């Protein structure tokens, strides 16, 4: 449930008229950390890679 909420927050920020990079970085980091904590499933690994790529564009 928490992962879904944070992912929705990230989506809302990313699609807002003026997304704030700091908030997007915060939400993307939270999503990545939750996926890392969830274990090494294939879906989690894909999600982790996507979060890392998104974070790389915000630096």
PDB file of N, CA and C in Angstrom:
ATOM      1  N   UNK A   1       0.826  -1.194   0.000  1.00  0.00           N
ATOM      2  CA  UNK A   1       0.000   0.000   0.000  1.00  0.00           C
ATOM      3  C   UNK A   1       0.868   1.256   0.000  1.00  0.00           C
ATOM      4  N   UNK A   2       1.886   1.255   0.805  1.00  0.00           N
ATOM      5  CA  UNK A   2       2.768   2.425   0.898  1.00  0.00           C
ATOM      6  C   UNK A   2       3.490   2.664  -0.425  1.00  0.00           C
ATOM      7  N   UNK A   3       3.954   1.597  -1.046  1.00  0.00           N
ATOM      8  CA  UNK A   3       4.630   1.720  -2.340  1.00  0.00           C
ATOM      9  C   UNK A   3       3.691   2.329  -3.375  1.00  0.00           C
ATOM     10  N   UNK A   4       2.469   1.881  -3.392  1.00  0.00           N
ATOM     11  CA  UNK A   4       1.495   2.405  -4.345  1.00  0.00           C
ATOM     12  C   UNK A   4       1.249   3.891  -4.100  1.00  0.00           C
ATOM     13  N   UNK A   5       1.144   4.293  -2.857  1.00  0.00           N
ATOM     14  CA  UNK A   5       0.909   5.698  -2.526  1.00  0.00           C
ATOM     15  C   UNK A   5       2.073   6.570  -2.987  1.00  0.00           C
ATOM     16  N   UNK A   6       3.292   6.112  -2.703  1.00  0.00           N
ATOM     17  CA  UNK A   6       4.474   6.887  -3.093  1.00  0.00           C
ATOM     18  C   UNK A   6       4.596   6.942  -4.618  1.00  0.00           C
ATOM     19  N   UNK A   7       4.296   5.845  -5.291  1.00  0.00           N
ATOM     20  CA  UNK A   7       4.339   5.832  -6.752  1.00  0.00           C
ATOM     21  C   UNK A   7       3.309   6.800  -7.329  1.00  0.00           C
ATOM     22  N   UNK A   8       2.139   6.870  -6.718  1.00  0.00           N
ATOM     23  CA  UNK A   8       1.122   7.822  -7.164  1.00  0.00           C
ATOM     24  C   UNK A   8       1.583   9.265  -6.913  1.00  0.00           C
ATOM     25  N   UNK A   9       2.219   9.508  -5.777  1.00  0.00           N
ATOM     26  CA  UNK A   9       2.764  10.837  -5.488  1.00  0.00           C
ATOM     27  C   UNK A   9       3.813  11.222  -6.529  1.00  0.00           C
ATOM     28  N   UNK A  10       4.672  10.274  -6.882  1.00  0.00           N
ATOM     29  CA  UNK A  10       5.698  10.523  -7.894  1.00  0.00           C
ATOM     30  C   UNK A  10       5.050  10.847  -9.232  1.00  0.00           C
ATOM     31  N   UNK A  11       4.065  10.078  -9.615  1.00  0.00           N
ATOM     32  CA  UNK A  11       3.370  10.317 -10.881  1.00  0.00           C
ATOM     33  C   UNK A  11       2.699  11.692 -10.871  1.00  0.00           C
ATOM     34  N   UNK A  12       2.035  12.028  -9.784  1.00  0.00           N
ATOM     35  CA  UNK A  12       1.360  13.323  -9.704  1.00  0.00           C
ATOM     36  C   UNK A  12       2.357  14.471  -9.828  1.00  0.00           C
ATOM     37  N   UNK A  13       3.494  14.346  -9.163  1.00  0.00           N
ATOM     38  CA  UNK A  13       4.512  15.398  -9.239  1.00  0.00           C
ATOM     39  C   UNK A  13       5.090  15.473 -10.645  1.00  0.00           C
ATOM     40  N   UNK A  14       5.374  14.329 -11.244  1.00  0.00           N
ATOM     41  CA  UNK A  14       5.989  14.296 -12.570  1.00  0.00           C
ATOM     42  C   UNK A  14       5.062  14.869 -13.639  1.00  0.00           C
ATOM     43  N   UNK A  15       3.761  14.730 -13.465  1.00  0.00           N
ATOM     44  CA  UNK A  15       2.816  15.205 -14.465  1.00  0.00           C
ATOM     45  C   UNK A  15       2.206  16.554 -14.107  1.00  0.00           C
ATOM     46  N   UNK A  16       2.670  17.168 -13.023  1.00  0.00           N
ATOM     47  CA  UNK A  16       2.164  18.490 -12.649  1.00  0.00           C
ATOM     48  C   UNK A  16       2.698  19.543 -13.625  1.00  0.00           C
ATOM     49  N   UNK A  17       2.057  20.684 -13.694  1.00  0.00           N
ATOM     50  CA  UNK A  17       2.507  21.739 -14.617  1.00  0.00           C
ATOM     51  C   UNK A  17       3.945  22.212 -14.356  1.00  0.00           C
ATOM     52  N   UNK A  18       4.366  22.181 -13.102  1.00  0.00           N
ATOM     53  CA  UNK A  18       5.726  22.621 -12.762  1.00  0.00           C
ATOM     54  C   UNK A  18       6.344  21.650 -11.755  1.00  0.00           C
ATOM     55  N   UNK A  19       6.766  20.458 -12.238  1.00  0.00           N
ATOM     56  CA  UNK A  19       7.324  19.467 -11.304  1.00  0.00           C
ATOM     57  C   UNK A  19       8.602  19.977 -10.649  1.00  0.00           C
ATOM     58  N   UNK A  20       8.727  19.702  -9.355  1.00  0.00           N
ATOM     59  CA  UNK A  20       9.911  20.096  -8.602  1.00  0.00           C
ATOM     60  C   UNK A  20      10.895  18.920  -8.573  1.00  0.00           C
ATOM     61  N   UNK A  21      12.093  19.111  -9.108  1.00  0.00           N
ATOM     62  CA  UNK A  21      13.072  18.014  -9.135  1.00  0.00           C
ATOM     63  C   UNK A  21      13.363  17.427  -7.750  1.00  0.00           C
ATOM     64  N   UNK A  22      13.386  18.249  -6.726  1.00  0.00           N
ATOM     65  CA  UNK A  22      13.664  17.752  -5.381  1.00  0.00           C
ATOM     66  C   UNK A  22      12.598  16.795  -4.891  1.00  0.00           C
ATOM     67  N   UNK A  23      11.345  17.122  -5.132  1.00  0.00           N
ATOM     68  CA  UNK A  23      10.243  16.237  -4.723  1.00  0.00           C
ATOM     69  C   UNK A  23      10.251  14.962  -5.563  1.00  0.00           C
ATOM     70  N   UNK A  24      10.528  15.103  -6.864  1.00  0.00           N
ATOM     71  CA  UNK A  24      10.591  13.910  -7.707  1.00  0.00           C
ATOM     72  C   UNK A  24      11.724  12.994  -7.262  1.00  0.00           C
ATOM     73  N   UNK A  25      12.861  13.582  -6.924  1.00  0.00           N
ATOM     74  CA  UNK A  25      14.003  12.799  -6.433  1.00  0.00           C
ATOM     75  C   UNK A  25      13.620  12.076  -5.143  1.00  0.00           C
ATOM     76  N   UNK A  26      12.934  12.788  -4.245  1.00  0.00           N
ATOM     77  CA  UNK A  26      12.515  12.195  -2.970  1.00  0.00           C
ATOM     78  C   UNK A  26      11.590  11.001  -3.204  1.00  0.00           C
ATOM     79  N   UNK A  27      10.561  11.185  -4.041  1.00  0.00           N
ATOM     80  CA  UNK A  27       9.614  10.097  -4.296  1.00  0.00           C
ATOM     81  C   UNK A  27      10.283   8.930  -5.021  1.00  0.00           C
ATOM     82  N   UNK A  28      11.126   9.213  -6.020  1.00  0.00           N
ATOM     83  CA  UNK A  28      11.798   8.147  -6.760  1.00  0.00           C
ATOM     84  C   UNK A  28      12.730   7.356  -5.845  1.00  0.00           C
ATOM     85  N   UNK A  29      13.402   8.051  -4.940  1.00  0.00           N
ATOM     86  CA  UNK A  29      14.283   7.363  -3.983  1.00  0.00           C
ATOM     87  C   UNK A  29      13.473   6.472  -3.058  1.00  0.00           C
ATOM     88  N   UNK A  30      12.323   6.959  -2.609  1.00  0.00           N
ATOM     89  CA  UNK A  30      11.469   6.145  -1.739  1.00  0.00           C
ATOM     90  C   UNK A  30      10.986   4.897  -2.468  1.00  0.00           C
ATOM     91  N   UNK A  31      10.559   5.049  -3.720  1.00  0.00           N
ATOM     92  CA  UNK A  31      10.103   3.897  -4.501  1.00  0.00           C
ATOM     93  C   UNK A  31      11.239   2.891  -4.652  1.00  0.00           C
ATOM     94  N   UNK A  32      12.417   3.379  -5.015  1.00  0.00           N
ATOM     95  CA  UNK A  32      13.570   2.498  -5.198  1.00  0.00           C
ATOM     96  C   UNK A  32      13.890   1.757  -3.898  1.00  0.00           C
ATOM     97  N   UNK A  33      13.918   2.475  -2.784  1.00  0.00           N
ATOM     98  CA  UNK A  33      14.234   1.849  -1.497  1.00  0.00           C
ATOM     99  C   UNK A  33      13.207   0.785  -1.124  1.00  0.00           C
ATOM    100  N   UNK A  34      11.935   1.057  -1.392  1.00  0.00           N
ATOM    101  CA  UNK A  34      10.895   0.070  -1.093  1.00  0.00           C
ATOM    102  C   UNK A  34      11.048  -1.171  -1.968  1.00  0.00           C
ATOM    103  N   UNK A  35      11.392  -0.982  -3.236  1.00  0.00           N
ATOM    104  CA  UNK A  35      11.587  -2.127  -4.122  1.00  0.00           C
ATOM    105  C   UNK A  35      12.802  -2.939  -3.707  1.00  0.00           C
ATOM    106  N   UNK A  36      13.873  -2.263  -3.307  1.00  0.00           N
ATOM    107  CA  UNK A  36      15.063  -2.981  -2.832  1.00  0.00           C
ATOM    108  C   UNK A  36      14.700  -3.808  -1.602  1.00  0.00           C
ATOM    109  N   UNK A  37      13.913  -3.229  -0.701  1.00  0.00           N
ATOM    110  CA  UNK A  37      13.505  -3.937   0.509  1.00  0.00           C
ATOM    111  C   UNK A  37      12.550  -5.082   0.237  1.00  0.00           C
ATOM    112  N   UNK A  38      11.885  -5.057  -0.913  1.00  0.00           N
ATOM    113  CA  UNK A  38      10.890  -6.083  -1.234  1.00  0.00           C
ATOM    114  C   UNK A  38      11.527  -7.395  -1.684  1.00  0.00           C
ATOM    115  N   UNK A  39      12.780  -7.358  -2.056  1.00  0.00           N
ATOM    116  CA  UNK A  39      13.428  -8.585  -2.494  1.00  0.00           C
ATOM    117  C   UNK A  39      13.841  -8.515  -3.947  1.00  0.00           C
ATOM    118  N   UNK A  40      14.383  -9.604  -4.417  1.00  0.00           N
ATOM    119  CA  UNK A  40      15.006  -9.634  -5.739  1.00  0.00           C
ATOM    120  C   UNK A  40      14.128 -10.293  -6.788  1.00  0.00           C
ATOM    121  N   UNK A  41      12.854  -9.957  -6.819  1.00  0.00           N
ATOM    122  CA  UNK A  41      12.008 -10.498  -7.884  1.00  0.00           C
ATOM    123  C   UNK A  41      12.345  -9.786  -9.182  1.00  0.00           C
ATOM    124  N   UNK A  42      11.971 -10.363 -10.282  1.00  0.00           N
ATOM    125  CA  UNK A  42      12.243  -9.752 -11.584  1.00  0.00           C
ATOM    126  C   UNK A  42      11.561  -8.399 -11.696  1.00  0.00           C
ATOM    127  N   UNK A  43      10.321  -8.303 -11.211  1.00  0.00           N
ATOM    128  CA  UNK A  43       9.593  -7.034 -11.279  1.00  0.00           C
ATOM    129  C   UNK A  43      10.274  -5.970 -10.430  1.00  0.00           C
ATOM    130  N   UNK A  44      10.747  -6.360  -9.262  1.00  0.00           N
ATOM    131  CA  UNK A  44      11.441  -5.408  -8.399  1.00  0.00           C
ATOM    132  C   UNK A  44      12.729  -4.936  -9.060  1.00  0.00           C
ATOM    133  N   UNK A  45      13.441  -5.826  -9.706  1.00  0.00           N
ATOM    134  CA  UNK A  45      14.692  -5.446 -10.367  1.00  0.00           C
ATOM    135  C   UNK A  45      14.439  -4.443 -11.493  1.00  0.00           C
ATOM    136  N   UNK A  46      13.380  -4.667 -12.249  1.00  0.00           N
ATOM    137  CA  UNK A  46      13.026  -3.730 -13.319  1.00  0.00           C
ATOM    138  C   UNK A  46      12.655  -2.383 -12.718  1.00  0.00           C
ATOM    139  N   UNK A  47      11.879  -2.413 -11.649  1.00  0.00           N
ATOM    140  CA  UNK A  47      11.491  -1.171 -10.991  1.00  0.00           C
ATOM    141  C   UNK A  47      12.685  -0.418 -10.435  1.00  0.00           C
ATOM    142  N   UNK A  48      13.630  -1.142  -9.865  1.00  0.00           N
ATOM    143  CA  UNK A  48      14.846  -0.518  -9.325  1.00  0.00           C
ATOM    144  C   UNK A  48      15.634   0.136 -10.451  1.00  0.00           C
ATOM    145  N   UNK A  49      15.776  -0.548 -11.564  1.00  0.00           N
ATOM    146  CA  UNK A  49      16.501   0.022 -12.707  1.00  0.00           C
ATOM    147  C   UNK A  49      15.805   1.269 -13.229  1.00  0.00           C
ATOM    148  N   UNK A  50      14.476   1.247 -13.289  1.00  0.00           N
ATOM    149  CA  UNK A  50      13.740   2.416 -13.754  1.00  0.00           C
ATOM    150  C   UNK A  50      13.900   3.580 -12.797  1.00  0.00           C
ATOM    151  N   UNK A  51      13.869   3.303 -11.505  1.00  0.00           N
ATOM    152  CA  UNK A  51      14.050   4.372 -10.509  1.00  0.00           C
ATOM    153  C   UNK A  51      15.447   4.955 -10.607  1.00  0.00           C
ATOM    154  N   UNK A  52      16.447   4.101 -10.798  1.00  0.00           N
ATOM    155  CA  UNK A  52      17.828   4.599 -10.926  1.00  0.00           C
ATOM    156  C   UNK A  52      17.967   5.469 -12.170  1.00  0.00           C
ATOM    157  N   UNK A  53      17.344   5.076 -13.273  1.00  0.00           N
ATOM    158  CA  UNK A  53      17.396   5.875 -14.488  1.00  0.00           C
ATOM    159  C   UNK A  53      16.708   7.218 -14.288  1.00  0.00           C
ATOM    160  N   UNK A  54      15.560   7.200 -13.630  1.00  0.00           N
ATOM    161  CA  UNK A  54      14.837   8.450 -13.361  1.00  0.00           C
ATOM    162  C   UNK A  54      15.657   9.362 -12.467  1.00  0.00           C
ATOM    163  N   UNK A  55      16.280   8.796 -11.435  1.00  0.00           N
ATOM    164  CA  UNK A  55      17.104   9.598 -10.546  1.00  0.00           C
ATOM    165  C   UNK A  55      18.301  10.190 -11.294  1.00  0.00           C
ATOM    166  N   UNK A  56      18.846   9.431 -12.230  1.00  0.00           N
ATOM    167  CA  UNK A  56      19.983   9.910 -13.009  1.00  0.00           C
ATOM    168  C   UNK A  56      19.637  11.128 -13.850  1.00  0.00           C
ATOM    169  N   UNK A  57      18.414  11.229 -14.288  1.00  0.00           N
ATOM    170  CA  UNK A  57      18.022  12.382 -15.087  1.00  0.00           C
ATOM    171  C   UNK A  57      17.760  13.610 -14.240  1.00  0.00           C
ATOM    172  N   UNK A  58      17.600  13.433 -12.926  1.00  0.00           N
ATOM    173  CA  UNK A  58      17.309  14.556 -12.028  1.00  0.00           C
ATOM    174  C   UNK A  58      18.561  15.149 -11.412  1.00  0.00           C
ATOM    175  N   UNK A  59      19.691  14.519 -11.590  1.00  0.00           N
ATOM    176  CA  UNK A  59      20.926  15.001 -10.964  1.00  0.00           C
ATOM    177  C   UNK A  59      21.439  16.222 -11.655  1.00  0.00           C
TER     178      UNK A  59
END
